[in-house]
Amino acid sequence: MTASLLYVCARPQRAAAVAEWASFRDGLGVGDADLVHHDLVREPLPADLERFAAVVVGGSPFNVTDPDKTDEQRRLEIDLERLAMTAIEGRTNVLFTCFGIGVVTRLLGGTVTLQHPEDTGPADIVLTEAGRGDELFGILSPRFEALTAHKEGADSVPPGATLLAENDACPVQAYRAGAGLWATQFHPEPTTDAFVARMRVYRDAGYFDADAFDEVSAHVRTASVEQPTRLLRSFAARAVAA
């Protein structure tokens, strides 16, 4: 790889953050030195984003719809909006995931609500016609499984964005905006084992019934996450070729 990729972490829980970095590293198919870890919870966004080939933004227990935000969360969301604008304007390429799609949706003038919560586990994702023709998503099967666990989602694709993937539970699963921004509601990075390990960290966070941990974990392990991994490999390949 000619230049490093940047992983932007939005998780306060350090164990979950380190594990998510490792999941992205493996999913992207790069080495340790090729994916720089930046803790956005504790440090502001780097000023020299152009030195990275591309950026991936991990998930978070934060929600755009949270009524009582800390100063830390508000600053983090502002930094993510700034990162989104650099991608929309074509100054870098960024893949936002999970919480990040909510930040971008709001930035673009869309609506994020609590009306589209998702169960913890595998979800069926369907590509739109635009998704089937997209340079990243076009290599995927028209219908595939991915892992989800979210309390909020977008009602519709925000102004200026192109819907790439959808499903019945949460109508906006992925979109593209501007010259270099992609965003997914689903998690493209974890293996099923990594997702179960993340569930342990957030067992009491309200994503699922804590008493049903074993049952939910068993359901997670039935998922096939080959296609989301292909998406990450496609993103990394595009970054190298740019």
Protein backbone atom coordinates (compact mmCIF):
# COMPACT_ATOMS: atom_id res chain seq x y z
CA MET A 1 0.00 0.00 0.00
CA THR A 2 1.46 3.36 -1.02
CA ALA A 3 -0.22 5.36 1.77
CA SER A 4 -1.85 4.55 5.07
CA LEU A 5 -5.57 4.36 5.68
CA LEU A 6 -7.04 6.13 8.69
CA TYR A 7 -9.48 4.53 11.12
CA VAL A 8 -11.48 7.15 13.03
CA CYS A 9 -12.80 5.81 16.33
CA ALA A 10 -16.00 7.17 17.88
CA ARG A 11 -16.26 4.62 20.71
CA PRO A 12 -15.51 5.73 24.30
CA GLN A 13 -14.96 2.10 25.36
CA ARG A 14 -11.29 1.41 24.65
CA ALA A 15 -11.62 -2.38 24.43
CA ALA A 16 -14.38 -2.07 21.84
CA ALA A 17 -12.39 0.56 19.96
CA VAL A 18 -9.26 -1.58 19.68
CA ALA A 19 -11.31 -4.59 18.60
CA GLU A 20 -13.13 -2.51 15.98
CA TRP A 21 -9.81 -1.24 14.59
CA ALA A 22 -8.67 -4.86 14.27
CA SER A 23 -11.91 -5.80 12.51
CA PHE A 24 -11.45 -2.99 9.99
CA ARG A 25 -7.80 -3.95 9.50
CA ASP A 26 -8.74 -7.53 8.72
CA GLY A 27 -11.76 -6.57 6.62
CA LEU A 28 -9.76 -4.09 4.56
CA GLY A 29 -7.01 -6.69 4.13
CA VAL A 30 -4.18 -4.45 5.31
CA GLY A 31 -1.40 -4.75 7.85
CA ASP A 32 -1.12 -3.12 11.27
CA ALA A 33 1.03 -0.26 9.98
CA ASP A 34 -1.34 0.44 7.09
CA LEU A 35 -4.34 1.39 9.25
CA VAL A 36 -3.65 4.30 11.60
CA HIS A 37 -5.88 4.40 14.69
CA HIS A 38 -7.21 7.84 15.63
CA ASP A 39 -9.30 8.19 18.80
CA LEU A 40 -11.77 10.95 17.92
CA VAL A 41 -13.42 10.69 21.34
CA ARG A 42 -10.27 12.01 23.01
CA GLU A 43 -8.45 13.84 20.21
CA PRO A 44 -9.71 16.27 17.54
CA LEU A 45 -9.71 15.34 13.89
CA PRO A 46 -6.21 15.41 12.34
CA ALA A 47 -5.52 18.49 10.23
CA ASP A 48 -3.50 16.58 7.62
CA LEU A 49 -6.18 14.22 6.29
CA GLU A 50 -4.73 14.45 2.77
CA ARG A 51 -1.76 12.29 3.79
CA PHE A 52 -4.08 9.28 4.15
CA ALA A 53 -5.22 7.27 1.15
CA ALA A 54 -8.75 7.04 2.61
CA VAL A 55 -10.65 7.05 5.90
CA VAL A 56 -13.01 4.59 7.58
CA VAL A 57 -15.25 5.75 10.44
CA GLY A 58 -16.27 3.17 13.00
CA GLY A 59 -19.45 2.88 15.01
CA SER A 60 -20.45 4.28 18.38
CA PRO A 61 -22.94 3.90 21.21
CA PHE A 62 -23.74 7.59 20.62
CA ASN A 63 -26.91 8.49 18.73
CA VAL A 64 -27.65 11.60 16.70
CA THR A 65 -31.06 11.67 18.42
CA ASP A 66 -29.60 11.63 21.96
CA PRO A 67 -31.45 14.37 23.91
CA ASP A 68 -28.68 15.15 26.42
CA LYS A 69 -25.30 15.24 24.70
CA THR A 70 -22.01 15.80 26.45
CA ASP A 71 -19.57 18.41 25.19
CA GLU A 72 -17.42 15.49 24.07
CA GLN A 73 -20.17 14.07 21.87
CA ARG A 74 -21.06 17.45 20.38
CA ARG A 75 -17.42 18.14 19.47
CA LEU A 76 -17.06 14.65 17.99
CA GLU A 77 -20.15 15.16 15.80
CA ILE A 78 -18.80 18.50 14.56
CA ASP A 79 -15.51 16.83 13.63
CA LEU A 80 -17.36 14.07 11.78
CA GLU A 81 -19.33 16.68 9.86
CA ARG A 82 -16.06 18.37 8.89
CA LEU A 83 -14.66 15.04 7.75
CA ALA A 84 -17.82 14.40 5.73
CA MET A 85 -17.46 17.72 3.93
CA THR A 86 -13.87 16.93 2.92
CA ALA A 87 -15.15 13.71 1.33
CA ILE A 88 -18.18 15.30 -0.33
CA GLU A 89 -15.89 17.95 -1.83
CA GLY A 90 -13.55 15.25 -3.15
CA ARG A 91 -10.53 16.05 -0.95
CA THR A 92 -10.50 12.53 0.50
CA ASN A 93 -12.51 9.30 0.38
CA VAL A 94 -14.42 8.26 3.49
CA LEU A 95 -16.59 5.30 4.43
CA PHE A 96 -18.89 6.20 7.35
CA THR A 97 -20.59 3.36 9.23
CA CYS A 98 -23.21 2.98 11.98
CA PHE A 99 -23.54 6.22 14.01
CA GLY A 100 -21.65 8.08 11.28
CA ILE A 101 -24.43 7.67 8.73
CA GLY A 102 -26.73 9.54 11.12
CA VAL A 103 -24.28 12.43 11.42
CA VAL A 104 -23.95 12.66 7.64
CA THR A 105 -27.71 12.37 7.09
CA ARG A 106 -28.35 15.29 9.42
CA LEU A 107 -25.57 17.32 7.78
CA LEU A 108 -27.19 16.83 4.38
CA GLY A 109 -30.59 17.95 5.65
CA GLY A 110 -32.12 14.51 6.17
CA THR A 111 -34.05 13.22 9.17
CA VAL A 112 -32.78 10.68 11.69
CA THR A 113 -35.44 9.14 13.91
CA LEU A 114 -36.08 6.38 16.42
CA GLN A 115 -38.78 4.93 14.15
CA HIS A 116 -36.43 2.44 12.46
CA PRO A 117 -34.62 0.47 15.20
CA GLU A 118 -32.83 -2.70 14.15
CA ASP A 119 -32.48 -6.01 15.93
CA THR A 120 -29.04 -7.17 16.99
CA GLY A 121 -27.94 -9.73 14.42
CA PRO A 122 -28.00 -10.50 10.71
CA ALA A 123 -30.15 -8.40 8.40
CA ASP A 124 -31.00 -8.82 4.72
CA ILE A 125 -29.60 -5.94 2.66
CA VAL A 126 -30.86 -5.24 -0.87
CA LEU A 127 -28.95 -3.16 -3.40
CA THR A 128 -30.83 -0.54 -5.36
CA GLU A 129 -30.29 -0.12 -9.09
CA ALA A 130 -27.81 2.64 -8.29
CA GLY A 131 -26.09 0.35 -5.81
CA ARG A 132 -25.68 -2.37 -8.41
CA GLY A 133 -23.93 0.17 -10.61
CA ASP A 134 -21.81 1.80 -7.90
CA GLU A 135 -18.04 1.43 -8.12
CA LEU A 136 -17.85 0.05 -4.57
CA PHE A 137 -21.17 -1.69 -4.04
CA GLY A 138 -21.46 -3.01 -7.60
CA ILE A 139 -19.21 -5.99 -6.84
CA LEU A 140 -21.62 -7.28 -4.18
CA SER A 141 -24.48 -9.71 -4.55
CA PRO A 142 -27.79 -7.89 -5.14
CA ARG A 143 -29.03 -9.28 -1.81
CA PHE A 144 -26.73 -10.14 1.08
CA GLU A 145 -26.49 -10.42 4.86
CA ALA A 146 -24.82 -7.92 7.17
CA LEU A 147 -24.79 -7.35 10.91
CA THR A 148 -26.81 -4.57 12.53
CA ALA A 149 -27.65 -3.29 16.02
CA HIS A 150 -29.02 0.24 16.03
CA LYS A 151 -31.57 2.39 17.83
CA GLU A 152 -32.04 5.01 15.10
CA GLY A 153 -32.10 5.37 11.32
CA ALA A 154 -33.03 7.65 8.46
CA ASP A 155 -36.58 7.91 7.12
CA SER A 156 -35.32 8.47 3.58
CA VAL A 157 -32.12 9.15 1.70
CA PRO A 158 -31.01 12.73 2.46
CA PRO A 159 -30.97 15.48 -0.18
CA GLY A 160 -28.06 15.20 -2.58
CA ALA A 161 -27.28 11.57 -1.75
CA THR A 162 -27.87 8.45 -3.86
CA LEU A 163 -29.48 5.45 -2.15
CA LEU A 164 -27.37 2.33 -2.68
CA ALA A 165 -28.92 -0.25 -0.32
CA GLU A 166 -32.12 -0.70 1.68
CA ASN A 167 -34.28 -3.15 3.60
CA ASP A 168 -37.69 -3.28 5.23
CA ALA A 169 -36.57 -2.62 8.81
CA CYS A 170 -34.46 0.44 8.03
CA PRO A 171 -35.05 1.94 4.58
CA VAL A 172 -31.66 3.64 4.27
CA GLN A 173 -28.89 1.07 4.56
CA ALA A 174 -26.27 2.78 2.41
CA TYR A 175 -25.78 5.79 0.19
CA ARG A 176 -23.18 7.82 -1.64
CA ALA A 177 -22.82 11.60 -1.44
CA GLY A 178 -20.57 13.96 -3.34
CA ALA A 179 -17.25 12.94 -4.83
CA GLY A 180 -15.90 10.63 -2.17
CA LEU A 181 -18.34 9.77 0.63
CA TRP A 182 -20.06 6.45 1.21
CA ALA A 183 -22.12 5.66 4.32
CA THR A 184 -23.58 2.41 5.65
CA GLN A 185 -26.16 1.80 8.36
CA PHE A 186 -24.97 -1.80 8.67
CA HIS A 187 -21.60 -2.85 10.05
CA PRO A 188 -19.30 -3.99 7.22
CA GLU A 189 -16.28 -4.84 9.39
CA PRO A 190 -16.90 -7.48 12.09
CA THR A 191 -16.80 -11.21 11.84
CA THR A 192 -19.58 -12.92 13.76
CA ASP A 193 -17.17 -13.73 16.62
CA ALA A 194 -16.00 -10.11 16.76
CA PHE A 195 -19.61 -8.94 16.82
CA VAL A 196 -20.42 -11.25 19.74
CA ALA A 197 -17.39 -9.90 21.60
CA ARG A 198 -18.69 -6.36 20.99
CA MET A 199 -22.09 -7.45 22.31
CA ARG A 200 -20.43 -8.32 25.62
CA VAL A 201 -19.17 -4.74 25.95
CA TYR A 202 -22.64 -3.32 25.23
CA ARG A 203 -24.66 -6.04 26.92
CA ASP A 204 -26.50 -3.58 29.16
CA ALA A 205 -26.74 -0.73 26.63
CA GLY A 206 -30.28 -1.55 25.48
CA TYR A 207 -29.55 -3.03 22.05
CA PHE A 208 -30.93 -6.43 23.06
CA ASP A 209 -32.28 -8.23 26.10
CA ALA A 210 -29.22 -8.86 28.26
CA ASP A 211 -30.80 -12.06 29.62
CA ALA A 212 -31.04 -13.38 26.04
CA PHE A 213 -27.33 -12.91 25.33
CA ASP A 214 -26.67 -16.57 24.48
CA GLU A 215 -29.70 -16.80 22.20
CA VAL A 216 -28.86 -13.57 20.36
CA SER A 217 -25.21 -14.62 20.05
CA ALA A 218 -26.21 -17.94 18.50
CA HIS A 219 -28.36 -16.08 15.96
CA VAL A 220 -25.48 -13.72 15.13
CA ARG A 221 -23.22 -16.68 14.44
CA THR A 222 -25.58 -17.92 11.71
CA ALA A 223 -24.78 -14.85 9.60
CA SER A 224 -22.64 -14.85 6.48
CA VAL A 225 -20.55 -11.66 6.34
CA GLU A 226 -18.57 -12.42 3.20
CA GLN A 227 -20.22 -9.66 1.16
CA PRO A 228 -19.60 -6.80 3.65
CA THR A 229 -15.94 -7.86 3.72
CA ARG A 230 -15.86 -7.60 -0.07
CA LEU A 231 -17.13 -4.04 0.28
CA LEU A 232 -14.20 -3.14 2.52
CA ARG A 233 -11.71 -4.81 0.18
CA SER A 234 -13.21 -2.80 -2.67
CA PHE A 235 -12.82 0.41 -0.66
CA ALA A 236 -9.19 -0.37 0.14
CA ALA A 237 -8.41 -1.25 -3.47
CA ARG A 238 -9.92 2.02 -4.67
CA ALA A 239 -7.80 3.92 -2.15
CA VAL A 240 -4.61 2.23 -3.34
CA ALA A 241 -5.44 2.90 -6.98
CA ALA A 242 -6.23 6.60 -6.46
